[in-house]
Amino acid sequence: MSESPAGSKPKGGLLTWALWVVALVGVAAVVYIIAQASTKTAATGPSGAAQAPAGKAGESAFASKVSTPEGPTPAPDYAFNDAAGKPVQIGDFKGKVVVLNVWATWCGPCKIEMPTLARLAETYKGKPVEVVVVSVDAAEDAAKARLFIAQNAPLAFYHDGPAKLPFRLNVPGFPTTIIYGKDGAEFARVAGDADWTAPEPRALIEKALAAS
């Protein structure tokens, strides 16, 4: 039976201490991973898609997308085409509140909100409100855009080149909706998609009607 040399200390205590250190490190690593996962979920949402930054405190999601010009901003003197290829300008609708939506078939949010724009047009039928949706698809996708709009009556088809109207209207992303008053000046714009059947967007239209 072997014995420890005289004066030596047992190694059991050192081994136990080392195991405790390893265990604590492992627990710390698990806590860190959970914290990182929680942070990522909060930043990207359940689907993993990046979420828009929150607006001002107490501001709704729709209100955070709305901006208004600092001064009178007339619509640009620029023509896009109607379904027959005839040039149309925003000024041609003067006397009406114009809800001008710039969209494309490759833009998912654009297609999602389109039926709500169609219902908006139906609601204001016979009133001084014109919902004008302008596709900025490339020429080879114009037929696809035309077909999509045909499925969203009573909207009419309008088209322009992908780098033309967005540049003239200072549109950085899609969809963008610009609301013009009856005087032809920009009243407000909405950056991003919206449910145009909801109370807030409708209130914005009513405000434009009352202001001009």
N, C-alpha and C. Protein backbone atom coordinates (compact mmCIF):
# COMPACT_ATOMS: atom_id res chain seq x y z
N MET A 1 0.85 -1.17 0.00
CA MET A 1 0.00 0.00 0.00
C MET A 1 0.88 1.22 0.00
N SER A 2 0.74 2.02 -0.98
CA SER A 2 1.61 3.19 -1.12
C SER A 2 1.10 4.31 -0.25
N GLU A 3 2.00 5.15 0.19
CA GLU A 3 1.66 6.30 1.00
C GLU A 3 2.28 7.55 0.40
N SER A 4 1.75 8.71 0.76
CA SER A 4 2.30 9.98 0.27
C SER A 4 3.59 10.25 1.00
N PRO A 5 4.55 10.85 0.30
CA PRO A 5 5.80 11.20 0.95
C PRO A 5 5.54 12.15 2.10
N ALA A 6 6.35 12.10 3.08
CA ALA A 6 6.18 12.95 4.25
C ALA A 6 6.24 14.41 3.84
N GLY A 7 5.33 15.21 4.40
CA GLY A 7 5.30 16.66 4.13
C GLY A 7 4.50 17.07 2.93
N SER A 8 4.08 16.13 2.08
CA SER A 8 3.30 16.51 0.88
C SER A 8 1.85 16.73 1.26
N LYS A 9 1.13 17.66 0.49
CA LYS A 9 -0.27 17.96 0.75
C LYS A 9 -1.15 17.15 -0.19
N PRO A 10 -2.30 16.72 0.25
CA PRO A 10 -3.19 15.96 -0.62
C PRO A 10 -3.64 16.82 -1.80
N LYS A 11 -3.81 16.16 -2.95
CA LYS A 11 -4.17 16.87 -4.19
C LYS A 11 -5.67 17.00 -4.39
N GLY A 12 -6.46 16.34 -3.53
CA GLY A 12 -7.92 16.35 -3.73
C GLY A 12 -8.50 17.75 -3.67
N GLY A 13 -8.01 18.59 -2.73
CA GLY A 13 -8.55 19.95 -2.60
C GLY A 13 -8.27 20.79 -3.83
N LEU A 14 -7.10 20.67 -4.40
CA LEU A 14 -6.75 21.43 -5.61
C LEU A 14 -7.61 21.03 -6.79
N LEU A 15 -7.87 19.72 -6.93
CA LEU A 15 -8.70 19.23 -8.04
C LEU A 15 -10.13 19.75 -7.90
N THR A 16 -10.65 19.74 -6.68
CA THR A 16 -12.02 20.24 -6.45
C THR A 16 -12.13 21.71 -6.81
N TRP A 17 -11.13 22.48 -6.41
CA TRP A 17 -11.12 23.91 -6.69
C TRP A 17 -11.10 24.18 -8.20
N ALA A 18 -10.30 23.38 -8.93
CA ALA A 18 -10.21 23.53 -10.38
C ALA A 18 -11.54 23.22 -11.05
N LEU A 19 -12.23 22.17 -10.55
CA LEU A 19 -13.54 21.82 -11.12
C LEU A 19 -14.56 22.93 -10.90
N TRP A 20 -14.52 23.56 -9.75
CA TRP A 20 -15.42 24.68 -9.47
C TRP A 20 -15.16 25.85 -10.41
N VAL A 21 -13.91 26.14 -10.68
CA VAL A 21 -13.56 27.23 -11.60
C VAL A 21 -14.11 26.95 -12.99
N VAL A 22 -13.93 25.70 -13.47
CA VAL A 22 -14.43 25.32 -14.80
C VAL A 22 -15.94 25.47 -14.85
N ALA A 23 -16.61 25.04 -13.79
CA ALA A 23 -18.08 25.12 -13.75
C ALA A 23 -18.55 26.57 -13.80
N LEU A 24 -17.89 27.44 -13.05
CA LEU A 24 -18.27 28.85 -13.03
C LEU A 24 -18.08 29.51 -14.39
N VAL A 25 -16.96 29.17 -15.05
CA VAL A 25 -16.71 29.70 -16.40
C VAL A 25 -17.80 29.24 -17.36
N GLY A 26 -18.21 27.99 -17.23
CA GLY A 26 -19.26 27.46 -18.11
C GLY A 26 -20.58 28.18 -17.91
N VAL A 27 -20.94 28.43 -16.64
CA VAL A 27 -22.18 29.15 -16.34
C VAL A 27 -22.13 30.55 -16.92
N ALA A 28 -20.99 31.23 -16.77
CA ALA A 28 -20.84 32.59 -17.31
C ALA A 28 -21.00 32.60 -18.82
N ALA A 29 -20.47 31.59 -19.49
CA ALA A 29 -20.58 31.51 -20.95
C ALA A 29 -22.03 31.34 -21.38
N VAL A 30 -22.78 30.50 -20.66
CA VAL A 30 -24.20 30.28 -20.99
C VAL A 30 -24.99 31.56 -20.82
N VAL A 31 -24.74 32.28 -19.70
CA VAL A 31 -25.44 33.54 -19.45
C VAL A 31 -25.14 34.54 -20.55
N TYR A 32 -23.88 34.60 -21.00
CA TYR A 32 -23.49 35.52 -22.07
C TYR A 32 -24.21 35.20 -23.37
N ILE A 33 -24.29 33.92 -23.71
CA ILE A 33 -24.96 33.50 -24.96
C ILE A 33 -26.43 33.86 -24.93
N ILE A 34 -27.09 33.63 -23.77
CA ILE A 34 -28.51 33.96 -23.65
C ILE A 34 -28.72 35.46 -23.80
N ALA A 35 -27.84 36.25 -23.18
CA ALA A 35 -27.97 37.71 -23.27
C ALA A 35 -27.80 38.20 -24.69
N GLN A 36 -26.81 37.61 -25.41
CA GLN A 36 -26.59 38.00 -26.80
C GLN A 36 -27.79 37.64 -27.67
N ALA A 37 -28.37 36.48 -27.46
CA ALA A 37 -29.54 36.05 -28.25
C ALA A 37 -30.72 36.97 -28.00
N SER A 38 -30.91 37.37 -26.73
CA SER A 38 -32.01 38.28 -26.41
C SER A 38 -31.82 39.62 -27.09
N THR A 39 -30.59 40.12 -27.10
CA THR A 39 -30.29 41.41 -27.75
C THR A 39 -30.57 41.33 -29.23
N LYS A 40 -30.18 40.25 -29.87
CA LYS A 40 -30.38 40.09 -31.31
C LYS A 40 -31.85 40.03 -31.64
N THR A 41 -32.64 39.32 -30.82
CA THR A 41 -34.08 39.21 -31.07
C THR A 41 -34.73 40.57 -30.97
N ALA A 42 -34.32 41.35 -29.98
CA ALA A 42 -34.91 42.68 -29.81
C ALA A 42 -34.59 43.58 -30.98
N ALA A 43 -33.41 43.41 -31.57
CA ALA A 43 -32.99 44.30 -32.66
C ALA A 43 -33.57 43.90 -34.00
N THR A 44 -33.79 42.61 -34.20
CA THR A 44 -34.21 42.15 -35.52
C THR A 44 -35.64 41.67 -35.57
N GLY A 45 -36.26 41.38 -34.43
CA GLY A 45 -37.62 40.87 -34.45
C GLY A 45 -37.62 39.37 -34.61
N PRO A 46 -38.80 38.72 -34.40
CA PRO A 46 -38.88 37.27 -34.43
C PRO A 46 -38.48 36.66 -35.75
N SER A 47 -38.71 37.37 -36.85
CA SER A 47 -38.41 36.80 -38.17
C SER A 47 -36.95 36.93 -38.55
N GLY A 48 -36.19 37.74 -37.79
CA GLY A 48 -34.79 37.97 -38.12
C GLY A 48 -34.61 39.17 -39.02
N ALA A 49 -35.71 39.78 -39.46
CA ALA A 49 -35.61 40.96 -40.32
C ALA A 49 -35.32 42.17 -39.47
N ALA A 50 -34.50 43.08 -39.99
CA ALA A 50 -34.15 44.27 -39.23
C ALA A 50 -35.38 45.13 -39.01
N GLN A 51 -35.54 45.64 -37.80
CA GLN A 51 -36.66 46.47 -37.46
C GLN A 51 -36.28 47.94 -37.57
N ALA A 52 -37.25 48.78 -37.95
CA ALA A 52 -37.00 50.21 -38.04
C ALA A 52 -36.79 50.77 -36.65
N PRO A 53 -35.92 51.74 -36.51
CA PRO A 53 -35.71 52.32 -35.20
C PRO A 53 -36.97 52.98 -34.67
N ALA A 54 -37.15 52.95 -33.38
CA ALA A 54 -38.34 53.52 -32.77
C ALA A 54 -38.36 55.03 -32.99
N GLY A 55 -39.58 55.60 -33.12
CA GLY A 55 -39.70 57.03 -33.31
C GLY A 55 -39.67 57.74 -31.96
N LYS A 56 -40.23 58.94 -31.93
CA LYS A 56 -40.27 59.70 -30.70
C LYS A 56 -41.16 58.99 -29.69
N ALA A 57 -40.91 59.27 -28.43
CA ALA A 57 -41.70 58.65 -27.36
C ALA A 57 -43.18 58.97 -27.56
N GLY A 58 -44.01 57.94 -27.52
CA GLY A 58 -45.45 58.12 -27.67
C GLY A 58 -45.90 58.23 -29.12
N GLU A 59 -44.98 58.16 -30.07
CA GLU A 59 -45.32 58.30 -31.48
C GLU A 59 -45.70 56.94 -32.06
N SER A 60 -46.78 56.91 -32.85
CA SER A 60 -47.22 55.65 -33.44
C SER A 60 -46.30 55.25 -34.59
N ALA A 61 -46.42 53.98 -35.01
CA ALA A 61 -45.60 53.48 -36.12
C ALA A 61 -45.86 54.28 -37.39
N PHE A 62 -47.14 54.60 -37.65
CA PHE A 62 -47.46 55.36 -38.86
C PHE A 62 -46.93 56.79 -38.76
N ALA A 63 -47.14 57.44 -37.63
CA ALA A 63 -46.69 58.83 -37.46
C ALA A 63 -45.19 58.96 -37.64
N SER A 64 -44.45 57.93 -37.26
CA SER A 64 -42.99 57.98 -37.39
C SER A 64 -42.53 57.96 -38.84
N LYS A 65 -43.43 57.57 -39.76
CA LYS A 65 -43.09 57.51 -41.18
C LYS A 65 -43.48 58.79 -41.92
N VAL A 66 -44.24 59.66 -41.26
CA VAL A 66 -44.79 60.85 -41.92
C VAL A 66 -43.86 62.04 -41.74
N SER A 67 -43.63 62.76 -42.83
CA SER A 67 -42.87 64.01 -42.77
C SER A 67 -43.63 65.07 -43.57
N THR A 68 -43.44 66.31 -43.20
CA THR A 68 -44.10 67.41 -43.89
C THR A 68 -43.05 68.42 -44.34
N PRO A 69 -43.27 69.07 -45.47
CA PRO A 69 -42.28 70.04 -45.97
C PRO A 69 -42.22 71.26 -45.07
N GLU A 70 -41.05 71.88 -44.99
CA GLU A 70 -40.87 73.06 -44.16
C GLU A 70 -41.52 74.29 -44.78
N GLY A 71 -41.67 74.28 -46.08
CA GLY A 71 -42.29 75.40 -46.77
C GLY A 71 -43.04 74.92 -47.99
N PRO A 72 -43.69 75.79 -48.72
CA PRO A 72 -44.42 75.40 -49.94
C PRO A 72 -43.51 74.64 -50.91
N THR A 73 -43.95 73.46 -51.29
CA THR A 73 -43.15 72.62 -52.18
C THR A 73 -44.03 72.16 -53.35
N PRO A 74 -44.01 72.88 -54.45
CA PRO A 74 -44.87 72.50 -55.57
C PRO A 74 -44.41 71.20 -56.21
N ALA A 75 -45.34 70.48 -56.79
CA ALA A 75 -45.01 69.24 -57.48
C ALA A 75 -44.10 69.53 -58.67
N PRO A 76 -43.14 68.67 -58.96
CA PRO A 76 -42.24 68.92 -60.09
C PRO A 76 -42.98 68.88 -61.42
N ASP A 77 -42.49 69.67 -62.34
CA ASP A 77 -43.06 69.71 -63.69
C ASP A 77 -42.47 68.54 -64.47
N TYR A 78 -43.01 67.35 -64.20
CA TYR A 78 -42.44 66.12 -64.78
C TYR A 78 -43.58 65.18 -65.14
N ALA A 79 -43.47 64.52 -66.27
CA ALA A 79 -44.52 63.63 -66.76
C ALA A 79 -44.13 62.17 -66.67
N PHE A 80 -45.08 61.34 -66.24
CA PHE A 80 -44.98 59.89 -66.33
C PHE A 80 -46.09 59.45 -67.27
N ASN A 81 -46.27 58.16 -67.48
CA ASN A 81 -47.22 57.68 -68.49
C ASN A 81 -48.40 56.96 -67.88
N ASP A 82 -49.58 57.16 -68.47
CA ASP A 82 -50.75 56.39 -68.05
C ASP A 82 -50.79 55.06 -68.80
N ALA A 83 -51.85 54.31 -68.63
CA ALA A 83 -51.94 52.97 -69.22
C ALA A 83 -51.88 52.99 -70.74
N ALA A 84 -52.29 54.10 -71.35
CA ALA A 84 -52.27 54.22 -72.81
C ALA A 84 -50.97 54.82 -73.31
N GLY A 85 -50.04 55.13 -72.41
CA GLY A 85 -48.78 55.72 -72.81
C GLY A 85 -48.82 57.22 -72.92
N LYS A 86 -49.94 57.83 -72.48
CA LYS A 86 -50.09 59.28 -72.56
C LYS A 86 -49.37 59.94 -71.38
N PRO A 87 -48.59 61.01 -71.62
CA PRO A 87 -47.90 61.70 -70.52
C PRO A 87 -48.89 62.34 -69.54
N VAL A 88 -48.60 62.17 -68.28
CA VAL A 88 -49.44 62.71 -67.21
C VAL A 88 -48.53 63.41 -66.21
N GLN A 89 -48.96 64.56 -65.72
CA GLN A 89 -48.23 65.27 -64.68
C GLN A 89 -49.09 65.37 -63.42
N ILE A 90 -48.45 65.53 -62.28
CA ILE A 90 -49.20 65.68 -61.03
C ILE A 90 -50.08 66.92 -61.11
N GLY A 91 -49.60 67.95 -61.80
CA GLY A 91 -50.38 69.17 -61.95
C GLY A 91 -51.69 68.97 -62.69
N ASP A 92 -51.80 67.87 -63.45
CA ASP A 92 -53.05 67.59 -64.18
C ASP A 92 -54.19 67.28 -63.23
N PHE A 93 -53.88 66.95 -61.98
CA PHE A 93 -54.90 66.60 -60.99
C PHE A 93 -55.18 67.77 -60.05
N LYS A 94 -54.71 68.95 -60.41
CA LYS A 94 -54.89 70.11 -59.54
C LYS A 94 -56.38 70.32 -59.26
N GLY A 95 -56.69 70.66 -58.01
CA GLY A 95 -58.09 70.76 -57.60
C GLY A 95 -58.51 69.54 -56.81
N LYS A 96 -57.63 68.52 -56.78
CA LYS A 96 -57.87 67.31 -56.00
C LYS A 96 -56.70 67.07 -55.06
N VAL A 97 -56.97 66.37 -53.98
CA VAL A 97 -55.88 65.86 -53.15
C VAL A 97 -55.34 64.62 -53.85
N VAL A 98 -54.06 64.62 -54.13
CA VAL A 98 -53.44 63.51 -54.86
C VAL A 98 -52.62 62.66 -53.89
N VAL A 99 -52.93 61.37 -53.88
CA VAL A 99 -52.15 60.41 -53.09
C VAL A 99 -51.28 59.65 -54.08
N LEU A 100 -50.05 60.12 -54.24
CA LEU A 100 -49.13 59.56 -55.24
C LEU A 100 -48.24 58.50 -54.59
N ASN A 101 -48.42 57.26 -55.04
CA ASN A 101 -47.65 56.15 -54.48
C ASN A 101 -46.63 55.67 -55.52
N VAL A 102 -45.35 55.63 -55.11
CA VAL A 102 -44.27 55.17 -55.98
C VAL A 102 -43.91 53.75 -55.55
N TRP A 103 -44.04 52.79 -56.48
CA TRP A 103 -43.90 51.39 -56.12
C TRP A 103 -43.23 50.59 -57.23
N ALA A 104 -42.96 49.31 -56.96
CA ALA A 104 -42.40 48.39 -57.96
C ALA A 104 -42.80 46.96 -57.60
N THR A 105 -42.86 46.10 -58.60
CA THR A 105 -43.29 44.71 -58.36
C THR A 105 -42.28 43.92 -57.55
N TRP A 106 -41.02 44.33 -57.55
CA TRP A 106 -40.01 43.60 -56.78
C TRP A 106 -40.00 44.03 -55.31
N CYS A 107 -40.83 45.00 -54.97
CA CYS A 107 -40.91 45.53 -53.60
C CYS A 107 -42.06 44.86 -52.86
N GLY A 108 -41.73 43.95 -51.93
CA GLY A 108 -42.76 43.22 -51.19
C GLY A 108 -43.73 44.11 -50.44
N PRO A 109 -43.25 45.06 -49.61
CA PRO A 109 -44.17 45.95 -48.88
C PRO A 109 -45.08 46.76 -49.81
N CYS A 110 -44.57 47.10 -51.00
CA CYS A 110 -45.39 47.83 -51.98
C CYS A 110 -46.63 47.01 -52.35
N LYS A 111 -46.41 45.74 -52.62
CA LYS A 111 -47.50 44.87 -53.05
C LYS A 111 -48.47 44.58 -51.91
N ILE A 112 -47.94 44.52 -50.69
CA ILE A 112 -48.79 44.25 -49.53
C ILE A 112 -49.76 45.41 -49.28
N GLU A 113 -49.27 46.65 -49.41
CA GLU A 113 -50.14 47.79 -49.12
C GLU A 113 -51.08 48.15 -50.26
N MET A 114 -50.83 47.63 -51.48
CA MET A 114 -51.60 48.06 -52.64
C MET A 114 -53.11 47.84 -52.49
N PRO A 115 -53.58 46.68 -51.97
CA PRO A 115 -55.03 46.52 -51.80
C PRO A 115 -55.64 47.57 -50.88
N THR A 116 -54.87 48.07 -49.91
CA THR A 116 -55.41 49.11 -49.02
C THR A 116 -55.50 50.45 -49.75
N LEU A 117 -54.59 50.69 -50.69
CA LEU A 117 -54.69 51.89 -51.52
C LEU A 117 -55.90 51.79 -52.44
N ALA A 118 -56.18 50.57 -52.92
CA ALA A 118 -57.36 50.37 -53.77
C ALA A 118 -58.64 50.66 -52.98
N ARG A 119 -58.68 50.24 -51.72
CA ARG A 119 -59.85 50.51 -50.89
C ARG A 119 -59.96 52.01 -50.56
N LEU A 120 -58.80 52.66 -50.44
CA LEU A 120 -58.80 54.10 -50.22
C LEU A 120 -59.42 54.81 -51.43
N ALA A 121 -59.02 54.38 -52.62
CA ALA A 121 -59.57 54.97 -53.84
C ALA A 121 -61.08 54.74 -53.94
N GLU A 122 -61.51 53.56 -53.54
CA GLU A 122 -62.94 53.22 -53.57
C GLU A 122 -63.71 54.09 -52.57
N THR A 123 -63.15 54.29 -51.41
CA THR A 123 -63.80 55.10 -50.36
C THR A 123 -64.02 56.54 -50.81
N TYR A 124 -63.05 57.09 -51.53
CA TYR A 124 -63.13 58.50 -51.93
C TYR A 124 -63.63 58.67 -53.37
N LYS A 125 -64.21 57.65 -53.91
CA LYS A 125 -64.76 57.74 -55.26
C LYS A 125 -65.83 58.84 -55.31
N GLY A 126 -65.74 59.73 -56.30
CA GLY A 126 -66.70 60.82 -56.41
C GLY A 126 -66.33 62.04 -55.58
N LYS A 127 -65.22 61.95 -54.83
CA LYS A 127 -64.75 63.07 -54.02
C LYS A 127 -63.44 63.60 -54.61
N PRO A 128 -63.02 64.79 -54.21
CA PRO A 128 -61.80 65.37 -54.81
C PRO A 128 -60.52 64.75 -54.27
N VAL A 129 -60.40 63.45 -54.42
CA VAL A 129 -59.20 62.71 -54.03
C VAL A 129 -58.84 61.75 -55.16
N GLU A 130 -57.58 61.77 -55.58
CA GLU A 130 -57.11 60.89 -56.65
C GLU A 130 -55.94 60.06 -56.13
N VAL A 131 -56.10 58.74 -56.17
CA VAL A 131 -55.01 57.84 -55.77
C VAL A 131 -54.27 57.43 -57.04
N VAL A 132 -53.02 57.85 -57.15
CA VAL A 132 -52.21 57.61 -58.35
C VAL A 132 -51.02 56.74 -57.96
N VAL A 133 -51.01 55.51 -58.46
CA VAL A 133 -49.91 54.58 -58.14
C VAL A 133 -49.03 54.44 -59.38
N VAL A 134 -47.76 54.81 -59.22
CA VAL A 134 -46.84 54.83 -60.37
C VAL A 134 -45.79 53.74 -60.21
N SER A 135 -45.81 52.79 -61.11
CA SER A 135 -44.80 51.73 -61.11
C SER A 135 -43.50 52.27 -61.68
N VAL A 136 -42.39 51.96 -61.00
CA VAL A 136 -41.08 52.34 -61.51
C VAL A 136 -40.29 51.09 -61.89
N ASP A 137 -41.02 50.06 -62.32
CA ASP A 137 -40.38 48.84 -62.80
C ASP A 137 -39.64 49.11 -64.11
N ALA A 138 -38.65 48.28 -64.38
CA ALA A 138 -37.96 48.33 -65.68
C ALA A 138 -38.96 47.99 -66.78
N ALA A 139 -38.65 48.40 -68.00
CA ALA A 139 -39.58 48.23 -69.12
C ALA A 139 -40.01 46.77 -69.30
N GLU A 140 -39.10 45.83 -69.06
CA GLU A 140 -39.44 44.42 -69.25
C GLU A 140 -40.39 43.89 -68.19
N ASP A 141 -40.57 44.63 -67.09
CA ASP A 141 -41.49 44.19 -66.04
C ASP A 141 -42.76 45.02 -66.00
N ALA A 142 -42.92 45.94 -66.94
CA ALA A 142 -44.09 46.80 -66.95
C ALA A 142 -45.38 46.01 -67.12
N ALA A 143 -45.36 44.96 -67.94
CA ALA A 143 -46.55 44.14 -68.16
C ALA A 143 -46.98 43.45 -66.87
N LYS A 144 -46.00 42.99 -66.10
CA LYS A 144 -46.29 42.36 -64.82
C LYS A 144 -46.93 43.36 -63.86
N ALA A 145 -46.40 44.58 -63.86
CA ALA A 145 -46.95 45.64 -63.00
C ALA A 145 -48.37 46.00 -63.41
N ARG A 146 -48.60 46.07 -64.71
CA ARG A 146 -49.94 46.39 -65.23
C ARG A 146 -50.95 45.34 -64.79
N LEU A 147 -50.57 44.07 -64.86
CA LEU A 147 -51.46 42.98 -64.46
C LEU A 147 -51.77 43.06 -62.97
N PHE A 148 -50.76 43.38 -62.17
CA PHE A 148 -50.97 43.47 -60.73
C PHE A 148 -51.96 44.58 -60.39
N ILE A 149 -51.84 45.72 -61.04
CA ILE A 149 -52.75 46.83 -60.78
C ILE A 149 -54.16 46.48 -61.24
N ALA A 150 -54.27 45.72 -62.32
CA ALA A 150 -55.59 45.30 -62.80
C ALA A 150 -56.33 44.45 -61.76
N GLN A 151 -55.57 43.81 -60.87
CA GLN A 151 -56.16 43.01 -59.81
C GLN A 151 -56.52 43.84 -58.58
N ASN A 152 -56.24 45.13 -58.66
CA ASN A 152 -56.50 46.03 -57.54
C ASN A 152 -57.34 47.23 -57.98
N ALA A 153 -58.47 46.93 -58.61
CA ALA A 153 -59.40 47.99 -59.02
C ALA A 153 -59.92 48.70 -57.77
N PRO A 154 -60.22 50.00 -57.91
CA PRO A 154 -60.31 50.82 -59.12
C PRO A 154 -59.02 51.57 -59.46
N LEU A 155 -57.88 51.13 -58.97
CA LEU A 155 -56.63 51.80 -59.29
C LEU A 155 -56.32 51.72 -60.77
N ALA A 156 -55.75 52.79 -61.31
CA ALA A 156 -55.33 52.82 -62.71
C ALA A 156 -53.82 52.61 -62.77
N PHE A 157 -53.36 52.14 -63.91
CA PHE A 157 -51.94 51.85 -64.09
C PHE A 157 -51.20 53.09 -64.61
N TYR A 158 -50.11 53.42 -63.93
CA TYR A 158 -49.19 54.46 -64.37
C TYR A 158 -47.77 53.90 -64.28
N HIS A 159 -46.90 54.37 -65.18
CA HIS A 159 -45.56 53.80 -65.22
C HIS A 159 -44.52 54.87 -65.54
N ASP A 160 -43.32 54.64 -65.01
CA ASP A 160 -42.20 55.51 -65.31
C ASP A 160 -40.92 54.69 -65.14
N GLY A 161 -39.82 55.21 -65.66
CA GLY A 161 -38.55 54.49 -65.55
C GLY A 161 -38.06 54.42 -64.11
N PRO A 162 -37.26 53.40 -63.77
CA PRO A 162 -36.80 53.20 -62.39
C PRO A 162 -35.93 54.30 -61.84
N ALA A 163 -35.25 55.07 -62.68
CA ALA A 163 -34.33 56.09 -62.18
C ALA A 163 -34.83 57.51 -62.45
N LYS A 164 -36.07 57.64 -62.90
CA LYS A 164 -36.56 58.97 -63.30
C LYS A 164 -37.42 59.61 -62.22
N LEU A 165 -38.64 59.11 -62.05
CA LEU A 165 -39.55 59.71 -61.08
C LEU A 165 -38.99 59.72 -59.66
N PRO A 166 -38.40 58.62 -59.17
CA PRO A 166 -37.84 58.66 -57.80
C PRO A 166 -36.82 59.78 -57.62
N PHE A 167 -36.01 60.02 -58.66
CA PHE A 167 -35.01 61.09 -58.58
C PHE A 167 -35.68 62.45 -58.53
N ARG A 168 -36.69 62.67 -59.38
CA ARG A 168 -37.36 63.97 -59.43
C ARG A 168 -38.14 64.26 -58.16
N LEU A 169 -38.63 63.20 -57.50
CA LEU A 169 -39.43 63.39 -56.29
C LEU A 169 -38.61 63.20 -55.02
N ASN A 170 -37.30 62.96 -55.18
CA ASN A 170 -36.43 62.75 -54.03
C ASN A 170 -36.92 61.58 -53.18
N VAL A 171 -37.18 60.46 -53.84
CA VAL A 171 -37.67 59.25 -53.17
C VAL A 171 -36.49 58.31 -52.96
N PRO A 172 -36.06 58.08 -51.71
CA PRO A 172 -34.89 57.23 -51.46
C PRO A 172 -35.21 55.74 -51.36
N GLY A 173 -36.48 55.39 -51.15
CA GLY A 173 -36.85 53.98 -50.98
C GLY A 173 -38.30 53.75 -51.35
N PHE A 174 -38.67 52.48 -51.40
CA PHE A 174 -40.02 52.11 -51.83
C PHE A 174 -40.68 51.20 -50.79
N PRO A 175 -42.00 51.38 -50.62
CA PRO A 175 -42.83 52.40 -51.26
C PRO A 175 -42.67 53.75 -50.56
N THR A 176 -42.95 54.79 -51.31
CA THR A 176 -43.07 56.14 -50.76
C THR A 176 -44.37 56.72 -51.29
N THR A 177 -45.14 57.34 -50.42
CA THR A 177 -46.40 57.95 -50.82
C THR A 177 -46.34 59.44 -50.52
N ILE A 178 -46.58 60.25 -51.53
CA ILE A 178 -46.56 61.70 -51.37
C ILE A 178 -47.99 62.22 -51.55
N ILE A 179 -48.43 63.01 -50.60
CA ILE A 179 -49.78 63.57 -50.65
C ILE A 179 -49.67 65.04 -51.05
N TYR A 180 -50.36 65.38 -52.13
CA TYR A 180 -50.39 66.76 -52.62
C TYR A 180 -51.76 67.36 -52.32
N GLY A 181 -51.76 68.62 -51.90
CA GLY A 181 -53.02 69.30 -51.66
C GLY A 181 -53.69 69.70 -52.96
N LYS A 182 -54.87 70.25 -52.84
CA LYS A 182 -55.62 70.68 -54.03
C LYS A 182 -54.88 71.76 -54.81
N ASP A 183 -53.99 72.47 -54.12
CA ASP A 183 -53.23 73.53 -54.77
C ASP A 183 -52.02 73.00 -55.53
N GLY A 184 -51.79 71.69 -55.48
CA GLY A 184 -50.67 71.09 -56.20
C GLY A 184 -49.37 71.08 -55.42
N ALA A 185 -49.37 71.58 -54.18
CA ALA A 185 -48.17 71.60 -53.36
C ALA A 185 -48.12 70.36 -52.47
N GLU A 186 -46.91 69.92 -52.16
CA GLU A 186 -46.76 68.75 -51.30
C GLU A 186 -47.29 69.06 -49.90
N PHE A 187 -48.14 68.17 -49.40
CA PHE A 187 -48.72 68.34 -48.07
C PHE A 187 -47.98 67.48 -47.04
N ALA A 188 -47.67 66.23 -47.43
CA ALA A 188 -46.96 65.31 -46.53
C ALA A 188 -46.49 64.13 -47.36
N ARG A 189 -45.56 63.36 -46.78
CA ARG A 189 -45.15 62.13 -47.43
C ARG A 189 -44.97 61.04 -46.39
N VAL A 190 -45.18 59.81 -46.85
CA VAL A 190 -45.07 58.64 -45.97
C VAL A 190 -43.97 57.75 -46.52
N ALA A 191 -42.91 57.56 -45.74
CA ALA A 191 -41.78 56.73 -46.15
C ALA A 191 -42.01 55.31 -45.65
N GLY A 192 -42.35 54.42 -46.58
CA GLY A 192 -42.62 53.04 -46.19
C GLY A 192 -44.09 52.69 -46.41
N ASP A 193 -44.41 51.43 -46.16
CA ASP A 193 -45.77 50.97 -46.40
C ASP A 193 -46.70 51.38 -45.26
N ALA A 194 -47.99 51.34 -45.57
CA ALA A 194 -49.01 51.70 -44.58
C ALA A 194 -50.29 50.96 -44.89
N ASP A 195 -51.14 50.84 -43.89
CA ASP A 195 -52.49 50.32 -44.11
C ASP A 195 -53.38 51.54 -44.31
N TRP A 196 -53.73 51.81 -45.56
CA TRP A 196 -54.47 53.02 -45.89
C TRP A 196 -55.95 52.92 -45.55
N THR A 197 -56.35 51.81 -44.94
CA THR A 197 -57.72 51.70 -44.43
C THR A 197 -57.77 52.05 -42.95
N ALA A 198 -56.62 52.24 -42.31
CA ALA A 198 -56.55 52.52 -40.88
C ALA A 198 -56.91 53.98 -40.58
N PRO A 199 -57.27 54.27 -39.34
CA PRO A 199 -57.71 55.64 -39.01
C PRO A 199 -56.66 56.72 -39.24
N GLU A 200 -55.40 56.48 -38.89
CA GLU A 200 -54.38 57.53 -39.01
C GLU A 200 -54.14 57.97 -40.46
N PRO A 201 -53.94 57.02 -41.40
CA PRO A 201 -53.78 57.45 -42.80
C PRO A 201 -55.01 58.19 -43.32
N ARG A 202 -56.19 57.70 -42.96
CA ARG A 202 -57.42 58.38 -43.40
C ARG A 202 -57.48 59.79 -42.82
N ALA A 203 -57.07 59.94 -41.57
CA ALA A 203 -57.09 61.27 -40.95
C ALA A 203 -56.14 62.22 -41.68
N LEU A 204 -55.02 61.69 -42.17
CA LEU A 204 -54.07 62.52 -42.92
C LEU A 204 -54.69 63.01 -44.22
N ILE A 205 -55.44 62.14 -44.89
CA ILE A 205 -56.13 62.54 -46.12
C ILE A 205 -57.18 63.62 -45.82
N GLU A 206 -57.93 63.40 -44.76
CA GLU A 206 -58.96 64.37 -44.39
C GLU A 206 -58.35 65.72 -44.04
N LYS A 207 -57.20 65.68 -43.40
CA LYS A 207 -56.51 66.92 -43.04
C LYS A 207 -56.07 67.67 -44.29
N ALA A 208 -55.58 66.91 -45.30
CA ALA A 208 -55.19 67.53 -46.56
C ALA A 208 -56.40 68.13 -47.27
N LEU A 209 -57.53 67.44 -47.21
CA LEU A 209 -58.75 67.96 -47.83
C LEU A 209 -59.19 69.25 -47.16
N ALA A 210 -59.09 69.30 -45.84
CA ALA A 210 -59.54 70.48 -45.11
C ALA A 210 -58.59 71.66 -45.27
N ALA A 211 -57.32 71.36 -45.53
CA ALA A 211 -56.31 72.42 -45.58
C ALA A 211 -56.24 73.12 -46.93
N SER A 212 -56.76 72.49 -47.96
CA SER A 212 -56.60 73.07 -49.29
C SER A 212 -57.92 73.27 -50.00
